[in-house]
């Protein structure tokens, strides 16, 4: 028997056979409702929207895409310092300016004035450790800062007696600073993708500052040695990829002279004995600068720092005219620069 079929039926049968050989899945449910004579379409020719998109995690800890910037675990700064220093001591008054405004016949007693004839040039190193900085909890801000600075220069020292006679000598001196402070920083991201980070933080710890005068010069000037607690604030705001604006300020708690890490000595006792029997002191420090990353882990730091101490003496000192104490003021203006390495 010969069965005759219409051309549409033959085409549909051929398409079914080709689909079965090629492994094409047909829309059977759609075929069932197809009107006779309607061409059969395979599901492979029907465009469908994807229901799931998958992206690979490239090691960002579960975040797909660009990583958010994270602070370093450690940062080392090595560089130099340029420091200008001034000092004044006046008897019977509360400030050096008050004494200098007195009539000449009322300026009685020994006064000391000096300023650096050339700036103190020296070396500086600072290490910041934040071993928990890349954690997500609040403990990430805990850290430790250690610092050392030492400068060398000659100083012009002038002593004026109550008779109006002045003596000026050039004296070699050194300026040394040690820092050990705990710190806590709150980090924040900036930029469209938070690719730059800044921080606001708190520091508290111990500082020492020692100004040593060459004893062989037989100068009237005595050194100053201080060991004191300090507490302060700091902030860093990223401006561009390679620059951050940084600022800090500290308040010194009773930074009295005559205290050194090596214990007491006659030279340390003279820092108080020359001017009175007791002393009260206060001090502060402020700094402003820029820092940034240049290439890989390496970057730069440039800061200007102003440090001020004031000592108020009471009682009778051994120097002429210091029967009722007086005042001494000490100021450091310094520029700090260096290269940084971060990990």
C-alpha atoms as a PDB file:
ATOM      1  CA  UNK A   1       0.000   0.000   0.000  1.00  0.00           C
ATOM      2  CA  UNK A   2       1.145   3.449  -0.749  1.00  0.00           C
ATOM      3  CA  UNK A   3       0.199   6.198   1.700  1.00  0.00           C
ATOM      4  CA  UNK A   4       0.037   9.670   0.447  1.00  0.00           C
ATOM      5  CA  UNK A   5       0.825  12.638   2.706  1.00  0.00           C
ATOM      6  CA  UNK A   6       0.486  16.315   2.210  1.00  0.00           C
ATOM      7  CA  UNK A   7       3.661  18.422   1.861  1.00  0.00           C
ATOM      8  CA  UNK A   8       3.238  20.131   5.275  1.00  0.00           C
ATOM      9  CA  UNK A   9       2.983  16.752   6.969  1.00  0.00           C
ATOM     10  CA  UNK A  10       6.084  15.505   5.159  1.00  0.00           C
ATOM     11  CA  UNK A  11       8.063  18.585   6.207  1.00  0.00           C
ATOM     12  CA  UNK A  12       6.996  18.219   9.824  1.00  0.00           C
ATOM     13  CA  UNK A  13       8.005  14.561   9.859  1.00  0.00           C
ATOM     14  CA  UNK A  14      11.396  15.371   8.360  1.00  0.00           C
ATOM     15  CA  UNK A  15      11.963  18.056  10.917  1.00  0.00           C
ATOM     16  CA  UNK A  16      11.080  15.692  13.740  1.00  0.00           C
ATOM     17  CA  UNK A  17      13.568  13.149  12.421  1.00  0.00           C
ATOM     18  CA  UNK A  18      16.340  15.740  12.050  1.00  0.00           C
ATOM     19  CA  UNK A  19      15.692  17.049  15.522  1.00  0.00           C
ATOM     20  CA  UNK A  20      15.862  13.592  17.041  1.00  0.00           C
ATOM     21  CA  UNK A  21      19.197  12.906  15.341  1.00  0.00           C
ATOM     22  CA  UNK A  22      20.694  16.242  16.362  1.00  0.00           C
ATOM     23  CA  UNK A  23      19.524  16.006  19.956  1.00  0.00           C
ATOM     24  CA  UNK A  24      17.253  19.029  19.722  1.00  0.00           C
ATOM     25  CA  UNK A  25      14.571  19.150  22.422  1.00  0.00           C
ATOM     26  CA  UNK A  26      11.164  20.043  21.013  1.00  0.00           C
ATOM     27  CA  UNK A  27       8.488  22.015  22.715  1.00  0.00           C
ATOM     28  CA  UNK A  28       6.017  19.146  22.898  1.00  0.00           C
ATOM     29  CA  UNK A  29       3.517  21.093  24.904  1.00  0.00           C
ATOM     30  CA  UNK A  30       3.544  23.811  22.293  1.00  0.00           C
ATOM     31  CA  UNK A  31       3.215  21.209  19.495  1.00  0.00           C
ATOM     32  CA  UNK A  32       0.114  19.759  21.063  1.00  0.00           C
ATOM     33  CA  UNK A  33      -1.678  23.051  20.832  1.00  0.00           C
ATOM     34  CA  UNK A  34      -0.398  23.839  17.320  1.00  0.00           C
ATOM     35  CA  UNK A  35      -2.931  24.157  14.575  1.00  0.00           C
ATOM     36  CA  UNK A  36      -2.617  21.796  11.655  1.00  0.00           C
ATOM     37  CA  UNK A  37      -0.395  23.242   8.962  1.00  0.00           C
ATOM     38  CA  UNK A  38       1.548  25.485  11.380  1.00  0.00           C
ATOM     39  CA  UNK A  39       5.405  25.062  11.026  1.00  0.00           C
ATOM     40  CA  UNK A  40       7.098  23.339  13.956  1.00  0.00           C
ATOM     41  CA  UNK A  41       9.780  25.361  15.794  1.00  0.00           C
ATOM     42  CA  UNK A  42      12.412  23.849  18.050  1.00  0.00           C
ATOM     43  CA  UNK A  43      13.177  25.314  21.496  1.00  0.00           C
ATOM     44  CA  UNK A  44      16.725  25.969  20.369  1.00  0.00           C
ATOM     45  CA  UNK A  45      15.493  28.722  18.063  1.00  0.00           C
ATOM     46  CA  UNK A  46      13.448  30.472  20.750  1.00  0.00           C
ATOM     47  CA  UNK A  47      15.393  33.249  22.598  1.00  0.00           C
ATOM     48  CA  UNK A  48      14.989  33.145  26.369  1.00  0.00           C
ATOM     49  CA  UNK A  49      16.276  35.509  29.102  1.00  0.00           C
ATOM     50  CA  UNK A  50      18.828  34.021  31.516  1.00  0.00           C
ATOM     51  CA  UNK A  51      17.501  33.328  34.988  1.00  0.00           C
ATOM     52  CA  UNK A  52      20.903  33.166  36.792  1.00  0.00           C
ATOM     53  CA  UNK A  53      24.205  34.978  36.323  1.00  0.00           C
ATOM     54  CA  UNK A  54      27.395  33.640  37.879  1.00  0.00           C
ATOM     55  CA  UNK A  55      30.586  35.689  38.479  1.00  0.00           C
ATOM     56  CA  UNK A  56      33.891  34.379  39.757  1.00  0.00           C
ATOM     57  CA  UNK A  57      35.310  35.444  43.147  1.00  0.00           C
ATOM     58  CA  UNK A  58      38.890  36.494  42.471  1.00  0.00           C
ATOM     59  CA  UNK A  59      40.036  36.200  46.066  1.00  0.00           C
ATOM     60  CA  UNK A  60      38.410  39.274  47.538  1.00  0.00           C
ATOM     61  CA  UNK A  61      36.990  37.382  50.493  1.00  0.00           C
ATOM     62  CA  UNK A  62      33.526  37.001  49.024  1.00  0.00           C
ATOM     63  CA  UNK A  63      33.291  40.401  47.303  1.00  0.00           C
ATOM     64  CA  UNK A  64      33.041  40.219  43.523  1.00  0.00           C
ATOM     65  CA  UNK A  65      34.679  43.134  41.733  1.00  0.00           C
ATOM     66  CA  UNK A  66      37.256  45.699  42.868  1.00  0.00           C
ATOM     67  CA  UNK A  67      38.552  45.261  46.401  1.00  0.00           C
ATOM     68  CA  UNK A  68      37.953  48.008  48.958  1.00  0.00           C
ATOM     69  CA  UNK A  69      41.177  49.554  50.232  1.00  0.00           C
ATOM     70  CA  UNK A  70      42.456  48.218  53.523  1.00  0.00           C
ATOM     71  CA  UNK A  71      44.995  49.805  55.901  1.00  0.00           C
ATOM     72  CA  UNK A  72      48.473  48.269  56.205  1.00  0.00           C
ATOM     73  CA  UNK A  73      49.493  46.021  59.072  1.00  0.00           C
ATOM     74  CA  UNK A  74      52.774  47.918  59.553  1.00  0.00           C
ATOM     75  CA  UNK A  75      54.339  51.126  58.261  1.00  0.00           C
ATOM     76  CA  UNK A  76      57.965  52.223  58.645  1.00  0.00           C
ATOM     77  CA  UNK A  77      59.073  55.816  58.040  1.00  0.00           C
ATOM     78  CA  UNK A  78      62.769  56.674  57.661  1.00  0.00           C
ATOM     79  CA  UNK A  79      63.959  60.211  57.023  1.00  0.00           C
ATOM     80  CA  UNK A  80      65.399  63.368  58.449  1.00  0.00           C
ATOM     81  CA  UNK A  81      64.518  66.443  60.480  1.00  0.00           C
ATOM     82  CA  UNK A  82      65.278  70.157  60.333  1.00  0.00           C
ATOM     83  CA  UNK A  83      64.595  71.898  63.661  1.00  0.00           C
ATOM     84  CA  UNK A  84      64.772  75.478  64.882  1.00  0.00           C
ATOM     85  CA  UNK A  85      64.775  76.018  68.652  1.00  0.00           C
ATOM     86  CA  UNK A  86      64.358  79.022  70.912  1.00  0.00           C
ATOM     87  CA  UNK A  87      64.521  79.419  74.689  1.00  0.00           C
ATOM     88  CA  UNK A  88      64.055  82.239  77.171  1.00  0.00           C
ATOM     89  CA  UNK A  89      64.191  82.494  80.983  1.00  0.00           C
ATOM     90  CA  UNK A  90      63.101  85.577  82.954  1.00  0.00           C
ATOM     91  CA  UNK A  91      62.924  86.115  86.766  1.00  0.00           C
ATOM     92  CA  UNK A  92      59.949  87.357  88.758  1.00  0.00           C
ATOM     93  CA  UNK A  93      57.375  87.339  85.918  1.00  0.00           C
ATOM     94  CA  UNK A  94      54.811  85.034  84.295  1.00  0.00           C
ATOM     95  CA  UNK A  95      56.036  85.360  80.710  1.00  0.00           C
ATOM     96  CA  UNK A  96      59.162  86.428  78.861  1.00  0.00           C
ATOM     97  CA  UNK A  97      57.214  89.137  77.039  1.00  0.00           C
ATOM     98  CA  UNK A  98      56.110  90.666  80.331  1.00  0.00           C
ATOM     99  CA  UNK A  99      59.707  90.985  81.514  1.00  0.00           C
ATOM    100  CA  UNK A 100      60.926  92.463  78.223  1.00  0.00           C
ATOM    101  CA  UNK A 101      58.290  95.212  78.423  1.00  0.00           C
ATOM    102  CA  UNK A 102      59.491  96.395  81.841  1.00  0.00           C
ATOM    103  CA  UNK A 103      61.506  99.631  82.115  1.00  0.00           C
ATOM    104  CA  UNK A 104      65.240  99.046  81.984  1.00  0.00           C
ATOM    105  CA  UNK A 105      65.703  99.904  85.682  1.00  0.00           C
ATOM    106  CA  UNK A 106      63.229  97.152  86.674  1.00  0.00           C
ATOM    107  CA  UNK A 107      64.883  94.366  84.731  1.00  0.00           C
ATOM    108  CA  UNK A 108      66.881  92.876  87.562  1.00  0.00           C
ATOM    109  CA  UNK A 109      68.461  89.454  87.631  1.00  0.00           C
ATOM    110  CA  UNK A 110      70.039  87.016  85.213  1.00  0.00           C
ATOM    111  CA  UNK A 111      68.122  86.256  82.036  1.00  0.00           C
ATOM    112  CA  UNK A 112      68.847  83.638  79.422  1.00  0.00           C
ATOM    113  CA  UNK A 113      68.025  83.950  75.701  1.00  0.00           C
ATOM    114  CA  UNK A 114      69.099  81.780  72.827  1.00  0.00           C
ATOM    115  CA  UNK A 115      68.058  80.664  69.382  1.00  0.00           C
ATOM    116  CA  UNK A 116      69.532  78.220  66.900  1.00  0.00           C
ATOM    117  CA  UNK A 117      72.029  79.990  64.671  1.00  0.00           C
ATOM    118  CA  UNK A 118      71.489  77.209  62.124  1.00  0.00           C
ATOM    119  CA  UNK A 119      68.757  74.556  62.171  1.00  0.00           C
ATOM    120  CA  UNK A 120      69.301  71.220  63.850  1.00  0.00           C
ATOM    121  CA  UNK A 121      69.756  68.571  61.170  1.00  0.00           C
ATOM    122  CA  UNK A 122      69.125  65.002  62.192  1.00  0.00           C
ATOM    123  CA  UNK A 123      67.598  61.622  61.578  1.00  0.00           C
ATOM    124  CA  UNK A 124      64.140  60.268  62.340  1.00  0.00           C
ATOM    125  CA  UNK A 125      62.441  56.867  62.370  1.00  0.00           C
ATOM    126  CA  UNK A 126      58.875  55.865  63.184  1.00  0.00           C
ATOM    127  CA  UNK A 127      57.181  52.465  63.219  1.00  0.00           C
ATOM    128  CA  UNK A 128      53.399  52.014  63.297  1.00  0.00           C
ATOM    129  CA  UNK A 129      52.043  48.526  64.035  1.00  0.00           C
ATOM    130  CA  UNK A 130      48.379  47.583  63.506  1.00  0.00           C
ATOM    131  CA  UNK A 131      48.314  43.774  63.450  1.00  0.00           C
ATOM    132  CA  UNK A 132      44.486  43.615  63.457  1.00  0.00           C
ATOM    133  CA  UNK A 133      43.887  46.310  60.835  1.00  0.00           C
ATOM    134  CA  UNK A 134      42.376  44.001  58.194  1.00  0.00           C
ATOM    135  CA  UNK A 135      39.751  42.446  60.448  1.00  0.00           C
ATOM    136  CA  UNK A 136      36.128  43.507  60.227  1.00  0.00           C
ATOM    137  CA  UNK A 137      35.489  44.025  63.971  1.00  0.00           C
ATOM    138  CA  UNK A 138      36.162  47.134  66.068  1.00  0.00           C
ATOM    139  CA  UNK A 139      39.526  45.781  67.262  1.00  0.00           C
ATOM    140  CA  UNK A 140      41.032  46.557  63.842  1.00  0.00           C
ATOM    141  CA  UNK A 141      41.864  50.096  65.015  1.00  0.00           C
ATOM    142  CA  UNK A 142      44.196  49.058  67.851  1.00  0.00           C
ATOM    143  CA  UNK A 143      47.917  49.684  67.335  1.00  0.00           C
ATOM    144  CA  UNK A 144      51.277  50.872  68.623  1.00  0.00           C
ATOM    145  CA  UNK A 145      53.556  53.725  67.514  1.00  0.00           C
ATOM    146  CA  UNK A 146      57.296  53.898  68.261  1.00  0.00           C
ATOM    147  CA  UNK A 147      59.503  56.816  67.248  1.00  0.00           C
ATOM    148  CA  UNK A 148      63.039  58.182  67.559  1.00  0.00           C
ATOM    149  CA  UNK A 149      64.540  61.511  66.457  1.00  0.00           C
ATOM    150  CA  UNK A 150      67.947  63.045  67.035  1.00  0.00           C
ATOM    151  CA  UNK A 151      69.283  66.370  65.750  1.00  0.00           C
ATOM    152  CA  UNK A 152      72.652  68.121  65.973  1.00  0.00           C
ATOM    153  CA  UNK A 153      73.588  71.788  65.768  1.00  0.00           C
ATOM    154  CA  UNK A 154      75.419  74.725  67.291  1.00  0.00           C
ATOM    155  CA  UNK A 155      73.541  77.262  69.409  1.00  0.00           C
ATOM    156  CA  UNK A 156      74.222  80.924  70.208  1.00  0.00           C
ATOM    157  CA  UNK A 157      73.697  81.446  73.946  1.00  0.00           C
ATOM    158  CA  UNK A 158      73.441  84.936  75.468  1.00  0.00           C
ATOM    159  CA  UNK A 159      73.465  85.650  79.202  1.00  0.00           C
ATOM    160  CA  UNK A 160      72.586  89.194  80.337  1.00  0.00           C
ATOM    161  CA  UNK A 161      73.447  90.212  83.912  1.00  0.00           C
ATOM    162  CA  UNK A 162      71.563  92.791  85.972  1.00  0.00           C
ATOM    163  CA  UNK A 163      74.396  95.215  85.275  1.00  0.00           C
ATOM    164  CA  UNK A 164      73.526  95.099  81.572  1.00  0.00           C
ATOM    165  CA  UNK A 165      76.578  93.123  80.551  1.00  0.00           C
ATOM    166  CA  UNK A 166      75.972  90.356  78.008  1.00  0.00           C
ATOM    167  CA  UNK A 167      78.023  87.312  77.113  1.00  0.00           C
ATOM    168  CA  UNK A 168      77.415  85.273  73.960  1.00  0.00           C
ATOM    169  CA  UNK A 169      78.926  81.897  73.217  1.00  0.00           C
ATOM    170  CA  UNK A 170      78.468  79.279  70.516  1.00  0.00           C
ATOM    171  CA  UNK A 171      77.623  75.937  72.028  1.00  0.00           C
ATOM    172  CA  UNK A 172      77.179  72.511  70.409  1.00  0.00           C
ATOM    173  CA  UNK A 173      73.947  70.782  71.399  1.00  0.00           C
ATOM    174  CA  UNK A 174      71.793  67.767  70.579  1.00  0.00           C
ATOM    175  CA  UNK A 175      68.028  67.345  70.577  1.00  0.00           C
ATOM    176  CA  UNK A 176      66.646  63.827  71.157  1.00  0.00           C
ATOM    177  CA  UNK A 177      63.048  62.557  71.195  1.00  0.00           C
ATOM    178  CA  UNK A 178      61.682  59.110  72.057  1.00  0.00           C
ATOM    179  CA  UNK A 179      58.028  58.120  71.593  1.00  0.00           C
ATOM    180  CA  UNK A 180      56.053  55.044  72.704  1.00  0.00           C
ATOM    181  CA  UNK A 181      52.283  55.361  72.336  1.00  0.00           C
ATOM    182  CA  UNK A 182      49.225  53.164  72.004  1.00  0.00           C
ATOM    183  CA  UNK A 183      46.739  54.261  69.355  1.00  0.00           C
ATOM    184  CA  UNK A 184      43.240  53.575  68.134  1.00  0.00           C
ATOM    185  CA  UNK A 185      42.073  54.534  64.634  1.00  0.00           C
ATOM    186  CA  UNK A 186      38.633  54.547  63.057  1.00  0.00           C
ATOM    187  CA  UNK A 187      39.028  53.834  59.340  1.00  0.00           C
ATOM    188  CA  UNK A 188      36.695  55.053  56.612  1.00  0.00           C
ATOM    189  CA  UNK A 189      36.686  54.576  52.850  1.00  0.00           C
ATOM    190  CA  UNK A 190      36.458  57.363  50.286  1.00  0.00           C
ATOM    191  CA  UNK A 191      35.949  57.471  46.539  1.00  0.00           C
ATOM    192  CA  UNK A 192      33.233  55.987  44.324  1.00  0.00           C
ATOM    193  CA  UNK A 193      34.462  52.431  44.973  1.00  0.00           C
ATOM    194  CA  UNK A 194      35.939  53.189  48.424  1.00  0.00           C
ATOM    195  CA  UNK A 195      39.342  52.577  46.892  1.00  0.00           C
ATOM    196  CA  UNK A 196      41.027  55.075  49.255  1.00  0.00           C
ATOM    197  CA  UNK A 197      40.889  55.020  53.062  1.00  0.00           C
ATOM    198  CA  UNK A 198      41.324  57.633  55.759  1.00  0.00           C
ATOM    199  CA  UNK A 199      41.160  57.560  59.533  1.00  0.00           C
ATOM    200  CA  UNK A 200      40.531  59.550  62.693  1.00  0.00           C
ATOM    201  CA  UNK A 201      42.337  58.371  65.789  1.00  0.00           C
ATOM    202  CA  UNK A 202      43.484  58.788  69.362  1.00  0.00           C
ATOM    203  CA  UNK A 203      47.021  58.427  70.754  1.00  0.00           C
ATOM    204  CA  UNK A 204      48.205  58.142  74.342  1.00  0.00           C
ATOM    205  CA  UNK A 205      51.545  57.154  75.814  1.00  0.00           C
ATOM    206  CA  UNK A 206      54.964  58.285  76.963  1.00  0.00           C
ATOM    207  CA  UNK A 207      57.349  60.836  75.418  1.00  0.00           C
ATOM    208  CA  UNK A 208      60.836  61.999  76.308  1.00  0.00           C
ATOM    209  CA  UNK A 209      62.647  65.110  75.094  1.00  0.00           C
ATOM    210  CA  UNK A 210      66.264  65.849  75.949  1.00  0.00           C
ATOM    211  CA  UNK A 211      68.251  68.929  74.976  1.00  0.00           C
ATOM    212  CA  UNK A 212      71.902  68.335  75.862  1.00  0.00           C
ATOM    213  CA  UNK A 213      74.549  71.058  75.915  1.00  0.00           C
ATOM    214  CA  UNK A 214      78.233  70.376  75.495  1.00  0.00           C
ATOM    215  CA  UNK A 215      79.560  70.591  79.074  1.00  0.00           C
ATOM    216  CA  UNK A 216      83.087  71.384  77.905  1.00  0.00           C
ATOM    217  CA  UNK A 217      81.914  74.741  76.518  1.00  0.00           C
ATOM    218  CA  UNK A 218      81.390  76.075  80.067  1.00  0.00           C
ATOM    219  CA  UNK A 219      78.165  77.731  78.972  1.00  0.00           C
ATOM    220  CA  UNK A 220      75.685  79.396  81.295  1.00  0.00           C
ATOM    221  CA  UNK A 221      72.975  77.445  79.517  1.00  0.00           C
ATOM    222  CA  UNK A 222      71.718  74.265  81.133  1.00  0.00           C
ATOM    223  CA  UNK A 223      69.983  71.541  79.189  1.00  0.00           C
ATOM    224  CA  UNK A 224      66.390  70.430  79.572  1.00  0.00           C
ATOM    225  CA  UNK A 225      65.329  66.824  80.054  1.00  0.00           C
ATOM    226  CA  UNK A 226      61.682  65.811  80.202  1.00  0.00           C
ATOM    227  CA  UNK A 227      59.751  62.536  80.554  1.00  0.00           C
ATOM    228  CA  UNK A 228      55.982  62.911  80.427  1.00  0.00           C
ATOM    229  CA  UNK A 229      52.673  61.354  79.366  1.00  0.00           C
ATOM    230  CA  UNK A 230      50.912  62.730  76.309  1.00  0.00           C
ATOM    231  CA  UNK A 231      47.468  62.312  74.755  1.00  0.00           C
ATOM    232  CA  UNK A 232      46.306  63.540  71.378  1.00  0.00           C
ATOM    233  CA  UNK A 233      44.191  63.256  68.233  1.00  0.00           C
ATOM    234  CA  UNK A 234      45.153  62.558  64.629  1.00  0.00           C
ATOM    235  CA  UNK A 235      43.384  62.519  61.264  1.00  0.00           C
ATOM    236  CA  UNK A 236      44.229  61.480  57.707  1.00  0.00           C
ATOM    237  CA  UNK A 237      42.016  62.410  54.725  1.00  0.00           C
ATOM    238  CA  UNK A 238      42.797  61.038  51.232  1.00  0.00           C
ATOM    239  CA  UNK A 239      42.760  63.699  48.515  1.00  0.00           C
ATOM    240  CA  UNK A 240      43.902  61.723  45.456  1.00  0.00           C
ATOM    241  CA  UNK A 241      45.471  58.299  44.934  1.00  0.00           C
ATOM    242  CA  UNK A 242      48.954  59.614  45.748  1.00  0.00           C
ATOM    243  CA  UNK A 243      48.268  62.243  48.452  1.00  0.00           C
ATOM    244  CA  UNK A 244      46.653  62.394  51.897  1.00  0.00           C
ATOM    245  CA  UNK A 245      46.236  65.446  54.127  1.00  0.00           C
ATOM    246  CA  UNK A 246      47.337  64.606  57.674  1.00  0.00           C
ATOM    247  CA  UNK A 247      47.126  66.527  60.918  1.00  0.00           C
ATOM    248  CA  UNK A 248      47.638  65.835  64.624  1.00  0.00           C
ATOM    249  CA  UNK A 249      47.711  67.540  68.004  1.00  0.00           C
ATOM    250  CA  UNK A 250      48.905  66.468  71.451  1.00  0.00           C
ATOM    251  CA  UNK A 251      48.677  67.787  74.985  1.00  0.00           C
ATOM    252  CA  UNK A 252      51.584  67.113  77.358  1.00  0.00           C
ATOM    253  CA  UNK A 253      50.796  66.203  80.957  1.00  0.00           C
ATOM    254  CA  UNK A 254      53.175  67.950  83.400  1.00  0.00           C
ATOM    255  CA  UNK A 255      56.324  67.924  81.196  1.00  0.00           C
ATOM    256  CA  UNK A 256      58.559  69.293  83.979  1.00  0.00           C
ATOM    257  CA  UNK A 257      62.297  69.750  83.357  1.00  0.00           C
ATOM    258  CA  UNK A 258      64.933  67.855  85.327  1.00  0.00           C
ATOM    259  CA  UNK A 259      63.642  64.355  84.562  1.00  0.00           C
ATOM    260  CA  UNK A 260      65.565  61.832  82.497  1.00  0.00           C
ATOM    261  CA  UNK A 261      65.345  58.154  81.638  1.00  0.00           C
ATOM    262  CA  UNK A 262      68.707  57.518  83.270  1.00  0.00           C
ATOM    263  CA  UNK A 263      67.625  58.686  86.730  1.00  0.00           C
ATOM    264  CA  UNK A 264      68.677  61.731  88.737  1.00  0.00           C
ATOM    265  CA  UNK A 265      71.988  63.584  88.489  1.00  0.00           C
ATOM    266  CA  UNK A 266      73.452  66.940  89.488  1.00  0.00           C
ATOM    267  CA  UNK A 267      72.914  68.276  85.956  1.00  0.00           C
ATOM    268  CA  UNK A 268      69.238  67.341  86.057  1.00  0.00           C
ATOM    269  CA  UNK A 269      68.825  68.869  89.524  1.00  0.00           C
ATOM    270  CA  UNK A 270      70.306  72.146  88.244  1.00  0.00           C
ATOM    271  CA  UNK A 271      67.461  72.510  85.718  1.00  0.00           C
ATOM    272  CA  UNK A 272      65.189  73.229  88.694  1.00  0.00           C
ATOM    273  CA  UNK A 273      67.636  74.503  91.308  1.00  0.00           C
ATOM    274  CA  UNK A 274      68.904  77.371  89.144  1.00  0.00           C
ATOM    275  CA  UNK A 275      65.463  78.943  88.867  1.00  0.00           C
ATOM    276  CA  UNK A 276      63.512  77.954  91.986  1.00  0.00           C
ATOM    277  CA  UNK A 277      62.495  75.233  94.393  1.00  0.00           C
ATOM    278  CA  UNK A 278      59.388  73.970  92.554  1.00  0.00           C
ATOM    279  CA  UNK A 279      58.070  74.069  88.991  1.00  0.00           C
ATOM    280  CA  UNK A 280      54.801  73.518  87.167  1.00  0.00           C
ATOM    281  CA  UNK A 281      54.805  72.949  83.416  1.00  0.00           C
ATOM    282  CA  UNK A 282      52.495  72.477  80.487  1.00  0.00           C
ATOM    283  CA  UNK A 283      53.091  71.843  76.808  1.00  0.00           C
ATOM    284  CA  UNK A 284      51.486  71.006  73.490  1.00  0.00           C
ATOM    285  CA  UNK A 285      52.322  69.972  69.958  1.00  0.00           C
ATOM    286  CA  UNK A 286      50.598  70.489  66.597  1.00  0.00           C
ATOM    287  CA  UNK A 287      51.514  69.198  63.152  1.00  0.00           C
ATOM    288  CA  UNK A 288      50.243  69.343  59.587  1.00  0.00           C
ATOM    289  CA  UNK A 289      51.493  67.640  56.452  1.00  0.00           C
ATOM    290  CA  UNK A 290      50.952  65.416  53.444  1.00  0.00           C
ATOM    291  CA  UNK A 291      51.740  61.773  52.759  1.00  0.00           C
ATOM    292  CA  UNK A 292      50.997  59.256  50.053  1.00  0.00           C
ATOM    293  CA  UNK A 293      51.855  56.087  48.170  1.00  0.00           C
ATOM    294  CA  UNK A 294      54.096  56.358  45.116  1.00  0.00           C
ATOM    295  CA  UNK A 295      55.017  52.882  43.920  1.00  0.00           C
ATOM    296  CA  UNK A 296      53.959  49.561  45.367  1.00  0.00           C
ATOM    297  CA  UNK A 297      54.544  49.533  49.140  1.00  0.00           C
ATOM    298  CA  UNK A 298      56.692  52.687  49.051  1.00  0.00           C
ATOM    299  CA  UNK A 299      55.546  56.244  49.675  1.00  0.00           C
ATOM    300  CA  UNK A 300      56.513  59.576  51.225  1.00  0.00           C
ATOM    301  CA  UNK A 301      55.752  61.771  54.241  1.00  0.00           C
ATOM    302  CA  UNK A 302      56.286  65.516  54.770  1.00  0.00           C
ATOM    303  CA  UNK A 303      55.163  67.314  57.952  1.00  0.00           C
ATOM    304  CA  UNK A 304      55.659  70.580  59.818  1.00  0.00           C
ATOM    305  CA  UNK A 305      55.551  70.309  63.623  1.00  0.00           C
ATOM    306  CA  UNK A 306      55.397  73.010  66.320  1.00  0.00           C
ATOM    307  CA  UNK A 307      56.165  72.085  69.948  1.00  0.00           C
ATOM    308  CA  UNK A 308      55.882  74.404  72.965  1.00  0.00           C
ATOM    309  CA  UNK A 309      56.822  74.071  76.652  1.00  0.00           C
ATOM    310  CA  UNK A 310      56.371  76.625  79.444  1.00  0.00           C
ATOM    311  CA  UNK A 311      57.796  76.249  82.960  1.00  0.00           C
ATOM    312  CA  UNK A 312      56.693  78.406  85.894  1.00  0.00           C
ATOM    313  CA  UNK A 313      59.112  78.376  88.848  1.00  0.00           C
ATOM    314  CA  UNK A 314      58.401  79.277  92.458  1.00  0.00           C
ATOM    315  CA  UNK A 315      60.771  79.775  95.392  1.00  0.00           C
ATOM    316  CA  UNK A 316      64.341  81.021  95.391  1.00  0.00           C
ATOM    317  CA  UNK A 317      66.782  79.821  92.768  1.00  0.00           C
ATOM    318  CA  UNK A 318      70.566  79.934  92.782  1.00  0.00           C
ATOM    319  CA  UNK A 319      70.830  82.415  89.911  1.00  0.00           C
ATOM    320  CA  UNK A 320      71.034  86.121  90.586  1.00  0.00           C
ATOM    321  CA  UNK A 321      67.634  87.807  90.861  1.00  0.00           C
ATOM    322  CA  UNK A 322      65.628  84.557  90.991  1.00  0.00           C
ATOM    323  CA  UNK A 323      64.513  85.055  94.583  1.00  0.00           C
ATOM    324  CA  UNK A 324      60.814  84.644  93.759  1.00  0.00           C
ATOM    325  CA  UNK A 325      60.958  82.266  90.847  1.00  0.00           C
ATOM    326  CA  UNK A 326      60.144  83.190  87.272  1.00  0.00           C
ATOM    327  CA  UNK A 327      59.340  81.615  83.915  1.00  0.00           C
ATOM    328  CA  UNK A 328      61.076  79.761  81.092  1.00  0.00           C
ATOM    329  CA  UNK A 329      59.669  79.021  77.634  1.00  0.00           C
ATOM    330  CA  UNK A 330      60.969  76.556  75.054  1.00  0.00           C
ATOM    331  CA  UNK A 331      59.793  76.302  71.421  1.00  0.00           C
ATOM    332  CA  UNK A 332      60.670  73.850  68.634  1.00  0.00           C
ATOM    333  CA  UNK A 333      59.733  74.434  64.980  1.00  0.00           C
ATOM    334  CA  UNK A 334      60.633  71.438  62.851  1.00  0.00           C
ATOM    335  CA  UNK A 335      60.217  69.979  59.395  1.00  0.00           C
ATOM    336  CA  UNK A 336      60.128  66.186  59.058  1.00  0.00           C
ATOM    337  CA  UNK A 337      60.477  64.324  55.771  1.00  0.00           C
ATOM    338  CA  UNK A 338      60.996  60.710  54.831  1.00  0.00           C
ATOM    339  CA  UNK A 339      60.120  57.659  52.777  1.00  0.00           C
ATOM    340  CA  UNK A 340      57.594  55.075  53.955  1.00  0.00           C
ATOM    341  CA  UNK A 341      57.330  51.333  53.469  1.00  0.00           C
ATOM    342  CA  UNK A 342      54.007  49.608  54.186  1.00  0.00           C
ATOM    343  CA  UNK A 343      53.013  45.984  54.544  1.00  0.00           C
END
